Amino acid sequence: MTESDPPPPDETDGILAEWSAEVRSALGIDADVDIRSVLGLAGVVAHAVVRPAAPLTTYLVGFVAGRSAASGEDPAAAAEEATRIARDLAARRS
């Protein structure tokens, strides 16, 4: 496993899936979340920049996805591209 790979599945996956579903329902979000991708990005950023950059970066990637959805574009593609850009920026720091 490289630093940029998401962590392997473990017992928290079910908890995270349930929590994600609960929060999305409460917030009225009708979209799937690639939890492994979000955690993978957060791990890369936390190690390459500083820990607090992880939630900030994942928020910003989510913002890009939301903006994309609001303009009628593919939010998953936008999130994937934003994730790639964030990983590239983090790689320059390590």
PDB file of N, CA and C in Angstrom:
ATOM      1  N   MET A   1       0.841  -1.180   0.000  1.00  0.00           N
ATOM      2  CA  MET A   1       0.000   0.000   0.000  1.00  0.00           C
ATOM      3  C   MET A   1       0.885   1.242   0.000  1.00  0.00           C
ATOM      4  N   THR A   2       0.599   2.195  -0.880  1.00  0.00           N
ATOM      5  CA  THR A   2       1.337   3.447  -0.914  1.00  0.00           C
ATOM      6  C   THR A   2       0.592   4.481  -0.085  1.00  0.00           C
ATOM      7  N   GLU A   3       1.251   5.574   0.186  1.00  0.00           N
ATOM      8  CA  GLU A   3       0.648   6.633   0.986  1.00  0.00           C
ATOM      9  C   GLU A   3      -0.616   7.179   0.336  1.00  0.00           C
ATOM     10  N   SER A   4      -0.722   7.128  -0.985  1.00  0.00           N
ATOM     11  CA  SER A   4      -1.879   7.690  -1.667  1.00  0.00           C
ATOM     12  C   SER A   4      -3.048   6.718  -1.772  1.00  0.00           C
ATOM     13  N   ASP A   5      -2.842   5.450  -1.383  1.00  0.00           N
ATOM     14  CA  ASP A   5      -3.920   4.470  -1.418  1.00  0.00           C
ATOM     15  C   ASP A   5      -4.834   4.664  -0.221  1.00  0.00           C
ATOM     16  N   PRO A   6      -6.151   4.400  -0.415  1.00  0.00           N
ATOM     17  CA  PRO A   6      -7.030   4.458   0.752  1.00  0.00           C
ATOM     18  C   PRO A   6      -6.699   3.311   1.700  1.00  0.00           C
ATOM     19  N   PRO A   7      -7.012   3.480   2.966  1.00  0.00           N
ATOM     20  CA  PRO A   7      -6.712   2.424   3.925  1.00  0.00           C
ATOM     21  C   PRO A   7      -7.534   1.172   3.612  1.00  0.00           C
ATOM     22  N   PRO A   8      -7.057  -0.006   4.035  1.00  0.00           N
ATOM     23  CA  PRO A   8      -7.817  -1.237   3.783  1.00  0.00           C
ATOM     24  C   PRO A   8      -9.117  -1.229   4.588  1.00  0.00           C
ATOM     25  N   PRO A   9     -10.108  -2.011   4.142  1.00  0.00           N
ATOM     26  CA  PRO A   9     -11.373  -2.063   4.887  1.00  0.00           C
ATOM     27  C   PRO A   9     -11.140  -2.583   6.310  1.00  0.00           C
ATOM     28  N   ASP A  10     -11.901  -2.080   7.232  1.00  0.00           N
ATOM     29  CA  ASP A  10     -11.841  -2.581   8.600  1.00  0.00           C
ATOM     30  C   ASP A  10     -13.227  -2.470   9.224  1.00  0.00           C
ATOM     31  N   GLU A  11     -13.302  -2.680  10.517  1.00  0.00           N
ATOM     32  CA  GLU A  11     -14.598  -2.707  11.196  1.00  0.00           C
ATOM     33  C   GLU A  11     -15.298  -1.359  11.234  1.00  0.00           C
ATOM     34  N   THR A  12     -14.597  -0.288  10.970  1.00  0.00           N
ATOM     35  CA  THR A  12     -15.242   1.025  10.989  1.00  0.00           C
ATOM     36  C   THR A  12     -16.007   1.329   9.702  1.00  0.00           C
ATOM     37  N   ASP A  13     -15.799   0.528   8.658  1.00  0.00           N
ATOM     38  CA  ASP A  13     -16.487   0.797   7.388  1.00  0.00           C
ATOM     39  C   ASP A  13     -18.004   0.826   7.551  1.00  0.00           C
ATOM     40  N   GLY A  14     -18.549  -0.132   8.289  1.00  0.00           N
ATOM     41  CA  GLY A  14     -19.994  -0.176   8.507  1.00  0.00           C
ATOM     42  C   GLY A  14     -20.486   1.033   9.277  1.00  0.00           C
ATOM     43  N   ILE A  15     -19.725   1.406  10.292  1.00  0.00           N
ATOM     44  CA  ILE A  15     -20.093   2.582  11.090  1.00  0.00           C
ATOM     45  C   ILE A  15     -20.082   3.826  10.221  1.00  0.00           C
ATOM     46  N   LEU A  16     -19.046   3.972   9.411  1.00  0.00           N
ATOM     47  CA  LEU A  16     -18.950   5.143   8.539  1.00  0.00           C
ATOM     48  C   LEU A  16     -20.076   5.169   7.506  1.00  0.00           C
ATOM     49  N   ALA A  17     -20.415   4.015   6.948  1.00  0.00           N
ATOM     50  CA  ALA A  17     -21.502   3.948   5.972  1.00  0.00           C
ATOM     51  C   ALA A  17     -22.823   4.340   6.621  1.00  0.00           C
ATOM     52  N   GLU A  18     -23.071   3.838   7.817  1.00  0.00           N
ATOM     53  CA  GLU A  18     -24.304   4.193   8.534  1.00  0.00           C
ATOM     54  C   GLU A  18     -24.332   5.687   8.867  1.00  0.00           C
ATOM     55  N   TRP A  19     -23.215   6.195   9.352  1.00  0.00           N
ATOM     56  CA  TRP A  19     -23.135   7.613   9.720  1.00  0.00           C
ATOM     57  C   TRP A  19     -23.345   8.494   8.487  1.00  0.00           C
ATOM     58  N   SER A  20     -22.690   8.133   7.399  1.00  0.00           N
ATOM     59  CA  SER A  20     -22.841   8.889   6.157  1.00  0.00           C
ATOM     60  C   SER A  20     -24.302   8.912   5.708  1.00  0.00           C
ATOM     61  N   ALA A  21     -24.957   7.766   5.752  1.00  0.00           N
ATOM     62  CA  ALA A  21     -26.368   7.692   5.352  1.00  0.00           C
ATOM     63  C   ALA A  21     -27.242   8.547   6.270  1.00  0.00           C
ATOM     64  N   GLU A  22     -26.957   8.492   7.566  1.00  0.00           N
ATOM     65  CA  GLU A  22     -27.738   9.274   8.532  1.00  0.00           C
ATOM     66  C   GLU A  22     -27.572  10.778   8.302  1.00  0.00           C
ATOM     67  N   VAL A  23     -26.345  11.206   8.117  1.00  0.00           N
ATOM     68  CA  VAL A  23     -26.082  12.638   7.920  1.00  0.00           C
ATOM     69  C   VAL A  23     -26.661  13.107   6.584  1.00  0.00           C
ATOM     70  N   ARG A  24     -26.448  12.309   5.519  1.00  0.00           N
ATOM     71  CA  ARG A  24     -27.004  12.686   4.216  1.00  0.00           C
ATOM     72  C   ARG A  24     -28.521  12.799   4.278  1.00  0.00           C
ATOM     73  N   SER A  25     -29.172  11.874   4.964  1.00  0.00           N
ATOM     74  CA  SER A  25     -30.624  11.920   5.099  1.00  0.00           C
ATOM     75  C   SER A  25     -31.056  13.179   5.852  1.00  0.00           C
ATOM     76  N   ALA A  26     -30.390  13.460   6.969  1.00  0.00           N
ATOM     77  CA  ALA A  26     -30.733  14.630   7.773  1.00  0.00           C
ATOM     78  C   ALA A  26     -30.513  15.936   7.020  1.00  0.00           C
ATOM     79  N   LEU A  27     -29.525  15.945   6.124  1.00  0.00           N
ATOM     80  CA  LEU A  27     -29.212  17.162   5.364  1.00  0.00           C
ATOM     81  C   LEU A  27     -29.922  17.214   4.014  1.00  0.00           C
ATOM     82  N   GLY A  28     -30.669  16.169   3.688  1.00  0.00           N
ATOM     83  CA  GLY A  28     -31.379  16.146   2.413  1.00  0.00           C
ATOM     84  C   GLY A  28     -30.468  15.973   1.217  1.00  0.00           C
ATOM     85  N   ILE A  29     -29.403  15.233   1.391  1.00  0.00           N
ATOM     86  CA  ILE A  29     -28.447  15.003   0.306  1.00  0.00           C
ATOM     87  C   ILE A  29     -28.771  13.664  -0.338  1.00  0.00           C
ATOM     88  N   ASP A  30     -29.150  13.711  -1.606  1.00  0.00           N
ATOM     89  CA  ASP A  30     -29.482  12.497  -2.347  1.00  0.00           C
ATOM     90  C   ASP A  30     -28.339  12.187  -3.305  1.00  0.00           C
ATOM     91  N   ALA A  31     -27.211  11.808  -2.737  1.00  0.00           N
ATOM     92  CA  ALA A  31     -26.029  11.491  -3.546  1.00  0.00           C
ATOM     93  C   ALA A  31     -25.202  10.454  -2.808  1.00  0.00           C
ATOM     94  N   ASP A  32     -24.575   9.598  -3.570  1.00  0.00           N
ATOM     95  CA  ASP A  32     -23.674   8.625  -2.977  1.00  0.00           C
ATOM     96  C   ASP A  32     -22.370   9.304  -2.587  1.00  0.00           C
ATOM     97  N   VAL A  33     -21.707   8.740  -1.604  1.00  0.00           N
ATOM     98  CA  VAL A  33     -20.417   9.255  -1.158  1.00  0.00           C
ATOM     99  C   VAL A  33     -19.399   8.124  -1.248  1.00  0.00           C
ATOM    100  N   ASP A  34     -18.298   8.393  -1.914  1.00  0.00           N
ATOM    101  CA  ASP A  34     -17.211   7.425  -1.980  1.00  0.00           C
ATOM    102  C   ASP A  34     -16.346   7.632  -0.740  1.00  0.00           C
ATOM    103  N   ILE A  35     -16.744   6.973   0.332  1.00  0.00           N
ATOM    104  CA  ILE A  35     -16.089   7.164   1.631  1.00  0.00           C
ATOM    105  C   ILE A  35     -14.602   6.840   1.551  1.00  0.00           C
ATOM    106  N   ARG A  36     -14.247   5.772   0.873  1.00  0.00           N
ATOM    107  CA  ARG A  36     -12.838   5.366   0.764  1.00  0.00           C
ATOM    108  C   ARG A  36     -12.012   6.452   0.082  1.00  0.00           C
ATOM    109  N   SER A  37     -12.570   7.069  -0.946  1.00  0.00           N
ATOM    110  CA  SER A  37     -11.856   8.131  -1.653  1.00  0.00           C
ATOM    111  C   SER A  37     -11.661   9.355  -0.753  1.00  0.00           C
ATOM    112  N   VAL A  38     -12.715   9.714  -0.022  1.00  0.00           N
ATOM    113  CA  VAL A  38     -12.627  10.860   0.890  1.00  0.00           C
ATOM    114  C   VAL A  38     -11.565  10.602   1.958  1.00  0.00           C
ATOM    115  N   LEU A  39     -11.590   9.407   2.541  1.00  0.00           N
ATOM    116  CA  LEU A  39     -10.607   9.073   3.579  1.00  0.00           C
ATOM    117  C   LEU A  39      -9.195   8.990   3.021  1.00  0.00           C
ATOM    118  N   GLY A  40      -9.077   8.462   1.809  1.00  0.00           N
ATOM    119  CA  GLY A  40      -7.763   8.387   1.177  1.00  0.00           C
ATOM    120  C   GLY A  40      -7.171   9.764   0.945  1.00  0.00           C
ATOM    121  N   LEU A  41      -7.996  10.673   0.425  1.00  0.00           N
ATOM    122  CA  LEU A  41      -7.534  12.046   0.207  1.00  0.00           C
ATOM    123  C   LEU A  41      -7.168  12.700   1.535  1.00  0.00           C
ATOM    124  N   ALA A  42      -8.019  12.528   2.538  1.00  0.00           N
ATOM    125  CA  ALA A  42      -7.738  13.126   3.847  1.00  0.00           C
ATOM    126  C   ALA A  42      -6.418  12.615   4.418  1.00  0.00           C
ATOM    127  N   GLY A  43      -6.148  11.331   4.253  1.00  0.00           N
ATOM    128  CA  GLY A  43      -4.894  10.764   4.752  1.00  0.00           C
ATOM    129  C   GLY A  43      -3.677  11.341   4.058  1.00  0.00           C
ATOM    130  N   VAL A  44      -3.765  11.467   2.754  1.00  0.00           N
ATOM    131  CA  VAL A  44      -2.644  12.029   1.989  1.00  0.00           C
ATOM    132  C   VAL A  44      -2.370  13.461   2.429  1.00  0.00           C
ATOM    133  N   VAL A  45      -3.424  14.259   2.498  1.00  0.00           N
ATOM    134  CA  VAL A  45      -3.264  15.671   2.853  1.00  0.00           C
ATOM    135  C   VAL A  45      -2.777  15.827   4.292  1.00  0.00           C
ATOM    136  N   ALA A  46      -3.331  15.037   5.207  1.00  0.00           N
ATOM    137  CA  ALA A  46      -2.923  15.142   6.613  1.00  0.00           C
ATOM    138  C   ALA A  46      -1.438  14.867   6.790  1.00  0.00           C
ATOM    139  N   HIS A  47      -0.910  13.920   6.004  1.00  0.00           N
ATOM    140  CA  HIS A  47       0.509  13.585   6.123  1.00  0.00           C
ATOM    141  C   HIS A  47       1.416  14.530   5.342  1.00  0.00           C
ATOM    142  N   ALA A  48       0.941  15.035   4.222  1.00  0.00           N
ATOM    143  CA  ALA A  48       1.796  15.870   3.374  1.00  0.00           C
ATOM    144  C   ALA A  48       1.766  17.349   3.751  1.00  0.00           C
ATOM    145  N   VAL A  49       0.669  17.796   4.310  1.00  0.00           N
ATOM    146  CA  VAL A  49       0.544  19.229   4.646  1.00  0.00           C
ATOM    147  C   VAL A  49       0.543  19.329   6.172  1.00  0.00           C
ATOM    148  N   VAL A  50      -0.599  19.372   6.779  1.00  0.00           N
ATOM    149  CA  VAL A  50      -0.790  19.289   8.238  1.00  0.00           C
ATOM    150  C   VAL A  50      -2.162  18.667   8.469  1.00  0.00           C
ATOM    151  N   ARG A  51      -2.345  18.057   9.632  1.00  0.00           N
ATOM    152  CA  ARG A  51      -3.612  17.366   9.919  1.00  0.00           C
ATOM    153  C   ARG A  51      -4.858  18.202   9.653  1.00  0.00           C
ATOM    154  N   PRO A  52      -4.916  19.439  10.130  1.00  0.00           N
ATOM    155  CA  PRO A  52      -6.139  20.214   9.913  1.00  0.00           C
ATOM    156  C   PRO A  52      -6.445  20.494   8.434  1.00  0.00           C
ATOM    157  N   ALA A  53      -5.476  20.284   7.564  1.00  0.00           N
ATOM    158  CA  ALA A  53      -5.731  20.479   6.131  1.00  0.00           C
ATOM    159  C   ALA A  53      -6.618  19.380   5.564  1.00  0.00           C
ATOM    160  N   ALA A  54      -6.705  18.237   6.242  1.00  0.00           N
ATOM    161  CA  ALA A  54      -7.499  17.114   5.738  1.00  0.00           C
ATOM    162  C   ALA A  54      -8.997  17.443   5.660  1.00  0.00           C
ATOM    163  N   PRO A  55      -9.639  17.846   6.770  1.00  0.00           N
ATOM    164  CA  PRO A  55     -11.066  18.165   6.645  1.00  0.00           C
ATOM    165  C   PRO A  55     -11.315  19.393   5.769  1.00  0.00           C
ATOM    166  N   LEU A  56     -10.409  20.342   5.816  1.00  0.00           N
ATOM    167  CA  LEU A  56     -10.548  21.519   4.966  1.00  0.00           C
ATOM    168  C   LEU A  56     -10.539  21.127   3.487  1.00  0.00           C
ATOM    169  N   THR A  57      -9.595  20.279   3.112  1.00  0.00           N
ATOM    170  CA  THR A  57      -9.474  19.851   1.715  1.00  0.00           C
ATOM    171  C   THR A  57     -10.685  19.046   1.278  1.00  0.00           C
ATOM    172  N   THR A  58     -11.141  18.119   2.122  1.00  0.00           N
ATOM    173  CA  THR A  58     -12.300  17.322   1.735  1.00  0.00           C
ATOM    174  C   THR A  58     -13.552  18.196   1.632  1.00  0.00           C
ATOM    175  N   TYR A  59     -13.667  19.204   2.470  1.00  0.00           N
ATOM    176  CA  TYR A  59     -14.772  20.157   2.352  1.00  0.00           C
ATOM    177  C   TYR A  59     -14.700  20.880   1.011  1.00  0.00           C
ATOM    178  N   LEU A  60     -13.527  21.339   0.649  1.00  0.00           N
ATOM    179  CA  LEU A  60     -13.371  22.073  -0.607  1.00  0.00           C
ATOM    180  C   LEU A  60     -13.680  21.202  -1.826  1.00  0.00           C
ATOM    181  N   VAL A  61     -13.275  19.933  -1.779  1.00  0.00           N
ATOM    182  CA  VAL A  61     -13.610  19.011  -2.870  1.00  0.00           C
ATOM    183  C   VAL A  61     -15.127  18.826  -2.928  1.00  0.00           C
ATOM    184  N   GLY A  62     -15.770  18.704  -1.776  1.00  0.00           N
ATOM    185  CA  GLY A  62     -17.234  18.607  -1.742  1.00  0.00           C
ATOM    186  C   GLY A  62     -17.903  19.858  -2.270  1.00  0.00           C
ATOM    187  N   PHE A  63     -17.322  20.998  -1.979  1.00  0.00           N
ATOM    188  CA  PHE A  63     -17.852  22.266  -2.488  1.00  0.00           C
ATOM    189  C   PHE A  63     -17.817  22.276  -4.011  1.00  0.00           C
ATOM    190  N   VAL A  64     -16.712  21.816  -4.579  1.00  0.00           N
ATOM    191  CA  VAL A  64     -16.583  21.742  -6.039  1.00  0.00           C
ATOM    192  C   VAL A  64     -17.655  20.821  -6.619  1.00  0.00           C
ATOM    193  N   ALA A  65     -17.876  19.683  -5.975  1.00  0.00           N
ATOM    194  CA  ALA A  65     -18.907  18.744  -6.443  1.00  0.00           C
ATOM    195  C   ALA A  65     -20.290  19.381  -6.378  1.00  0.00           C
ATOM    196  N   GLY A  66     -20.582  20.070  -5.295  1.00  0.00           N
ATOM    197  CA  GLY A  66     -21.874  20.745  -5.156  1.00  0.00           C
ATOM    198  C   GLY A  66     -22.066  21.846  -6.177  1.00  0.00           C
ATOM    199  N   ARG A  67     -21.027  22.611  -6.398  1.00  0.00           N
ATOM    200  CA  ARG A  67     -21.099  23.671  -7.411  1.00  0.00           C
ATOM    201  C   ARG A  67     -21.347  23.073  -8.785  1.00  0.00           C
ATOM    202  N   SER A  68     -20.686  21.974  -9.060  1.00  0.00           N
ATOM    203  CA  SER A  68     -20.855  21.295 -10.337  1.00  0.00           C
ATOM    204  C   SER A  68     -22.291  20.794 -10.500  1.00  0.00           C
ATOM    205  N   ALA A  69     -22.826  20.171  -9.466  1.00  0.00           N
ATOM    206  CA  ALA A  69     -24.205  19.671  -9.525  1.00  0.00           C
ATOM    207  C   ALA A  69     -25.187  20.813  -9.738  1.00  0.00           C
ATOM    208  N   ALA A  70     -24.959  21.938  -9.069  1.00  0.00           N
ATOM    209  CA  ALA A  70     -25.858  23.084  -9.196  1.00  0.00           C
ATOM    210  C   ALA A  70     -25.856  23.664 -10.601  1.00  0.00           C
ATOM    211  N   SER A  71     -24.743  23.499 -11.310  1.00  0.00           N
ATOM    212  CA  SER A  71     -24.667  24.037 -12.672  1.00  0.00           C
ATOM    213  C   SER A  71     -25.016  22.988 -13.724  1.00  0.00           C
ATOM    214  N   GLY A  72     -25.507  21.819 -13.276  1.00  0.00           N
ATOM    215  CA  GLY A  72     -25.936  20.792 -14.213  1.00  0.00           C
ATOM    216  C   GLY A  72     -24.838  19.889 -14.736  1.00  0.00           C
ATOM    217  N   GLU A  73     -23.647  19.988 -14.159  1.00  0.00           N
ATOM    218  CA  GLU A  73     -22.528  19.141 -14.567  1.00  0.00           C
ATOM    219  C   GLU A  73     -22.463  17.902 -13.682  1.00  0.00           C
ATOM    220  N   ASP A  74     -21.586  16.980 -14.012  1.00  0.00           N
ATOM    221  CA  ASP A  74     -21.441  15.731 -13.267  1.00  0.00           C
ATOM    222  C   ASP A  74     -20.653  15.970 -11.983  1.00  0.00           C
ATOM    223  N   PRO A  75     -21.307  15.892 -10.822  1.00  0.00           N
ATOM    224  CA  PRO A  75     -20.595  16.151  -9.568  1.00  0.00           C
ATOM    225  C   PRO A  75     -19.525  15.111  -9.260  1.00  0.00           C
ATOM    226  N   ALA A  76     -19.755  13.856  -9.650  1.00  0.00           N
ATOM    227  CA  ALA A  76     -18.755  12.816  -9.390  1.00  0.00           C
ATOM    228  C   ALA A  76     -17.482  13.090 -10.179  1.00  0.00           C
ATOM    229  N   ALA A  77     -17.638  13.498 -11.435  1.00  0.00           N
ATOM    230  CA  ALA A  77     -16.461  13.815 -12.260  1.00  0.00           C
ATOM    231  C   ALA A  77     -15.734  15.030 -11.699  1.00  0.00           C
ATOM    232  N   ALA A  78     -16.482  16.012 -11.236  1.00  0.00           N
ATOM    233  CA  ALA A  78     -15.865  17.209 -10.658  1.00  0.00           C
ATOM    234  C   ALA A  78     -15.105  16.861  -9.385  1.00  0.00           C
ATOM    235  N   ALA A  79     -15.699  16.008  -8.548  1.00  0.00           N
ATOM    236  CA  ALA A  79     -15.029  15.596  -7.310  1.00  0.00           C
ATOM    237  C   ALA A  79     -13.769  14.796  -7.616  1.00  0.00           C
ATOM    238  N   GLU A  80     -13.849  13.945  -8.629  1.00  0.00           N
ATOM    239  CA  GLU A  80     -12.678  13.147  -9.012  1.00  0.00           C
ATOM    240  C   GLU A  80     -11.540  14.045  -9.486  1.00  0.00           C
ATOM    241  N   GLU A  81     -11.854  15.031 -10.293  1.00  0.00           N
ATOM    242  CA  GLU A  81     -10.825  15.955 -10.782  1.00  0.00           C
ATOM    243  C   GLU A  81     -10.264  16.810  -9.638  1.00  0.00           C
ATOM    244  N   ALA A  82     -11.141  17.289  -8.765  1.00  0.00           N
ATOM    245  CA  ALA A  82     -10.687  18.084  -7.626  1.00  0.00           C
ATOM    246  C   ALA A  82      -9.809  17.251  -6.694  1.00  0.00           C
ATOM    247  N   THR A  83     -10.153  15.983  -6.523  1.00  0.00           N
ATOM    248  CA  THR A  83      -9.339  15.079  -5.707  1.00  0.00           C
ATOM    249  C   THR A  83      -7.964  14.895  -6.329  1.00  0.00           C
ATOM    250  N   ARG A  84      -7.926  14.709  -7.637  1.00  0.00           N
ATOM    251  CA  ARG A  84      -6.644  14.563  -8.333  1.00  0.00           C
ATOM    252  C   ARG A  84      -5.786  15.805  -8.125  1.00  0.00           C
ATOM    253  N   ILE A  85      -6.381  16.967  -8.285  1.00  0.00           N
ATOM    254  CA  ILE A  85      -5.649  18.225  -8.118  1.00  0.00           C
ATOM    255  C   ILE A  85      -5.125  18.350  -6.677  1.00  0.00           C
ATOM    256  N   ALA A  86      -5.973  18.054  -5.698  1.00  0.00           N
ATOM    257  CA  ALA A  86      -5.549  18.154  -4.296  1.00  0.00           C
ATOM    258  C   ALA A  86      -4.421  17.177  -3.991  1.00  0.00           C
ATOM    259  N   ARG A  87      -4.516  15.951  -4.522  1.00  0.00           N
ATOM    260  CA  ARG A  87      -3.435  14.969  -4.303  1.00  0.00           C
ATOM    261  C   ARG A  87      -2.140  15.458  -4.939  1.00  0.00           C
ATOM    262  N   ASP A  88      -2.227  16.026  -6.143  1.00  0.00           N
ATOM    263  CA  ASP A  88      -1.036  16.551  -6.803  1.00  0.00           C
ATOM    264  C   ASP A  88      -0.402  17.683  -5.980  1.00  0.00           C
ATOM    265  N   LEU A  89      -1.231  18.569  -5.464  1.00  0.00           N
ATOM    266  CA  LEU A  89      -0.711  19.669  -4.635  1.00  0.00           C
ATOM    267  C   LEU A  89      -0.047  19.125  -3.372  1.00  0.00           C
ATOM    268  N   ALA A  90      -0.688  18.138  -2.746  1.00  0.00           N
ATOM    269  CA  ALA A  90      -0.108  17.539  -1.539  1.00  0.00           C
ATOM    270  C   ALA A  90       1.218  16.838  -1.846  1.00  0.00           C
ATOM    271  N   ALA A  91       1.290  16.196  -3.003  1.00  0.00           N
ATOM    272  CA  ALA A  91       2.523  15.488  -3.373  1.00  0.00           C
ATOM    273  C   ALA A  91       3.696  16.459  -3.527  1.00  0.00           C
ATOM    274  N   ARG A  92       3.403  17.675  -3.918  1.00  0.00           N
ATOM    275  CA  ARG A  92       4.479  18.674  -4.054  1.00  0.00           C
ATOM    276  C   ARG A  92       5.052  19.063  -2.690  1.00  0.00           C
ATOM    277  N   ARG A  93       4.284  18.841  -1.633  1.00  0.00           N
ATOM    278  CA  ARG A  93       4.720  19.204  -0.287  1.00  0.00           C
ATOM    279  C   ARG A  93       5.545  18.124   0.381  1.00  0.00           C
ATOM    280  N   SER A  94       5.408  16.866  -0.107  1.00  0.00           N
ATOM    281  CA  SER A  94       6.113  15.787   0.589  1.00  0.00           C
ATOM    282  C   SER A  94       7.462  15.516  -0.003  1.00  0.00           C
TER     283      SER A  94
END
